[in-house]
Amino acid sequence: MVRTVAVMAGPLDASALRAAAKDPRAGAVVVFEGCARDHHEGRAVANLAYEAFVPMAVAELEKLLTDAVARFGLVQCLIHHRIGEVPLTEAAVVVVTASAHRQEAFEAALWIMDRIKERVPIWKKERFTEGGEGWVEGQRLVP
């Protein structure tokens, strides 16, 4: 059984999350993968590393899921975030939203990602190819 919310080390399985979201009420399923990229603000990035206060992160993700289901009328929602080292091109976060219509599924995925960056105690460190590393500043979003 796939957990609806998880914070874990190791690769995330977007296909398994997509399969877990199958529901006959869903006319739309959105799968968002936030992947490690090779650049940030003009600097070459070798990889990312994430740290989290896991119990609080899981609790906040569960609140986001509950809020998103109510706000957007979702029939399924899954949110998984990775901690530890994330190589380039691999997913650091996967959000799956399913609803009767596409607009709600897309809007819910975007809303969830914005709230993760705003509220969930997960921190991203970038390691640069020329050496050195740095924490990515948090984002302050207007709801």
Protein backbone atom coordinates (compact mmCIF):
# COMPACT_ATOMS: atom_id res chain seq x y z
CA MET A 1 0.00 0.00 0.00
CA VAL A 2 1.32 3.46 -0.91
CA ARG A 3 1.17 6.01 1.89
CA THR A 4 -0.61 9.22 0.94
CA VAL A 5 2.00 11.39 2.69
CA ALA A 6 5.66 10.52 3.18
CA VAL A 7 9.03 12.09 3.89
CA MET A 8 11.75 9.57 3.11
CA ALA A 9 15.30 8.93 1.99
CA GLY A 10 15.84 7.32 -1.39
CA PRO A 11 14.25 7.71 -4.81
CA LEU A 12 10.56 8.55 -5.12
CA ASP A 13 8.35 6.39 -7.34
CA ALA A 14 6.03 8.67 -9.31
CA SER A 15 4.59 5.70 -11.23
CA ALA A 16 3.53 3.96 -8.03
CA LEU A 17 1.94 7.17 -6.76
CA ARG A 18 0.10 7.62 -10.05
CA ALA A 19 -1.18 4.05 -9.84
CA ALA A 20 -2.31 4.61 -6.25
CA ALA A 21 -4.35 7.63 -7.39
CA LYS A 22 -6.55 5.64 -9.78
CA ASP A 23 -10.16 6.34 -9.00
CA PRO A 24 -13.27 5.99 -11.17
CA ARG A 25 -14.45 9.43 -9.99
CA ALA A 26 -11.30 11.09 -11.40
CA GLY A 27 -11.48 12.56 -14.87
CA ALA A 28 -8.11 14.24 -14.30
CA VAL A 29 -4.91 13.14 -12.60
CA VAL A 30 -1.96 15.52 -12.34
CA VAL A 31 1.48 14.18 -11.44
CA PHE A 32 4.02 16.85 -10.54
CA GLU A 33 7.67 15.96 -10.01
CA GLY A 34 10.00 18.63 -8.65
CA CYS A 35 13.41 17.51 -9.91
CA ALA A 36 16.99 18.48 -9.11
CA ARG A 37 18.33 20.74 -11.86
CA ASP A 38 21.91 21.63 -12.76
CA HIS A 39 21.75 25.38 -12.11
CA HIS A 40 20.53 28.04 -9.71
CA GLU A 41 20.96 31.80 -9.98
CA GLY A 42 23.77 31.50 -12.51
CA ARG A 43 25.75 28.82 -10.64
CA ALA A 44 26.24 25.22 -11.73
CA VAL A 45 24.73 22.74 -9.27
CA ALA A 46 26.18 19.23 -8.78
CA ASN A 47 23.35 17.90 -6.59
CA LEU A 48 20.91 18.78 -3.85
CA ALA A 49 20.55 17.61 -0.29
CA TYR A 50 17.40 17.95 1.80
CA GLU A 51 16.99 17.92 5.55
CA ALA A 52 13.74 17.92 7.48
CA PHE A 53 12.23 17.83 10.90
CA VAL A 54 10.40 14.69 9.80
CA PRO A 55 7.59 14.39 12.41
CA MET A 56 6.54 18.01 11.88
CA ALA A 57 7.03 17.79 8.09
CA VAL A 58 4.74 14.75 7.90
CA ALA A 59 2.14 16.46 10.10
CA GLU A 60 2.20 19.61 7.92
CA LEU A 61 1.95 17.56 4.71
CA GLU A 62 -1.06 15.74 6.16
CA LYS A 63 -2.69 19.10 6.93
CA LEU A 64 -1.96 20.29 3.38
CA LEU A 65 -3.48 17.13 1.95
CA THR A 66 -6.63 17.51 4.06
CA ASP A 67 -6.92 21.19 3.13
CA ALA A 68 -6.36 20.50 -0.58
CA VAL A 69 -9.00 17.76 -0.68
CA ALA A 70 -11.55 20.09 0.91
CA ARG A 71 -10.55 23.20 -1.04
CA PHE A 72 -10.38 21.62 -4.53
CA GLY A 73 -12.76 18.66 -4.20
CA LEU A 74 -10.03 16.10 -4.84
CA VAL A 75 -10.88 12.41 -4.91
CA GLN A 76 -7.24 11.38 -4.40
CA CYS A 77 -4.10 13.18 -3.25
CA LEU A 78 -0.59 11.94 -2.51
CA ILE A 79 2.44 13.96 -1.44
CA HIS A 80 5.92 12.45 -1.08
CA HIS A 81 9.08 14.44 -0.33
CA ARG A 82 12.61 13.11 -0.38
CA ILE A 83 15.35 13.85 2.14
CA GLY A 84 19.05 13.21 1.84
CA GLU A 85 21.06 13.57 -1.35
CA VAL A 86 19.12 14.03 -4.59
CA PRO A 87 21.15 13.57 -7.80
CA LEU A 88 20.43 15.73 -10.83
CA THR A 89 17.23 14.85 -12.73
CA GLU A 90 15.78 12.83 -9.81
CA ALA A 91 12.60 13.94 -8.06
CA ALA A 92 12.82 15.66 -4.69
CA VAL A 93 9.03 15.89 -4.41
CA VAL A 94 6.07 14.19 -6.09
CA VAL A 95 2.54 15.52 -5.78
CA VAL A 96 -0.39 13.63 -7.31
CA THR A 97 -3.85 15.18 -7.42
CA ALA A 98 -6.99 13.61 -8.86
CA SER A 99 -10.34 15.28 -9.36
CA ALA A 100 -13.41 15.09 -11.52
CA HIS A 101 -12.09 17.90 -13.77
CA ARG A 102 -8.62 19.09 -14.84
CA GLN A 103 -8.76 22.64 -13.48
CA GLU A 104 -9.10 21.51 -9.88
CA ALA A 105 -6.33 18.91 -10.23
CA PHE A 106 -3.89 21.44 -11.73
CA GLU A 107 -4.77 24.18 -9.26
CA ALA A 108 -4.46 21.80 -6.32
CA ALA A 109 -0.98 20.61 -7.37
CA LEU A 110 0.22 24.21 -7.70
CA TRP A 111 -1.37 25.23 -4.39
CA ILE A 112 0.20 22.26 -2.59
CA MET A 113 3.67 23.03 -3.94
CA ASP A 114 3.42 26.69 -2.92
CA ARG A 115 2.30 25.72 0.60
CA ILE A 116 5.12 23.14 0.93
CA LYS A 117 7.68 25.87 0.26
CA GLU A 118 5.89 28.18 2.66
CA ARG A 119 5.02 25.93 5.62
CA VAL A 120 6.76 22.56 5.69
CA PRO A 121 10.04 22.26 7.64
CA ILE A 122 12.14 20.82 4.81
CA TRP A 123 15.36 22.60 3.86
CA LYS A 124 17.31 22.43 0.60
CA LYS A 125 21.07 22.67 0.28
CA GLU A 126 22.72 23.06 -3.12
CA ARG A 127 26.19 21.69 -3.76
CA PHE A 128 27.97 23.57 -6.52
CA THR A 129 30.18 22.03 -9.20
CA GLU A 130 32.98 24.58 -8.60
CA GLY A 131 32.93 23.66 -4.91
CA GLY A 132 31.05 24.91 -1.93
CA GLU A 133 27.45 24.64 -0.97
CA GLY A 134 24.64 26.81 0.29
CA TRP A 135 21.17 26.61 1.78
CA VAL A 136 18.39 27.88 -0.44
CA GLU A 137 16.51 30.78 1.10
CA GLY A 138 12.92 30.08 2.02
CA GLN A 139 10.07 31.55 0.02
CA ARG A 140 7.47 33.86 1.47
CA LEU A 141 4.29 33.48 -0.51
CA VAL A 142 1.05 35.36 -0.32
CA PRO A 143 -1.84 32.84 -0.04
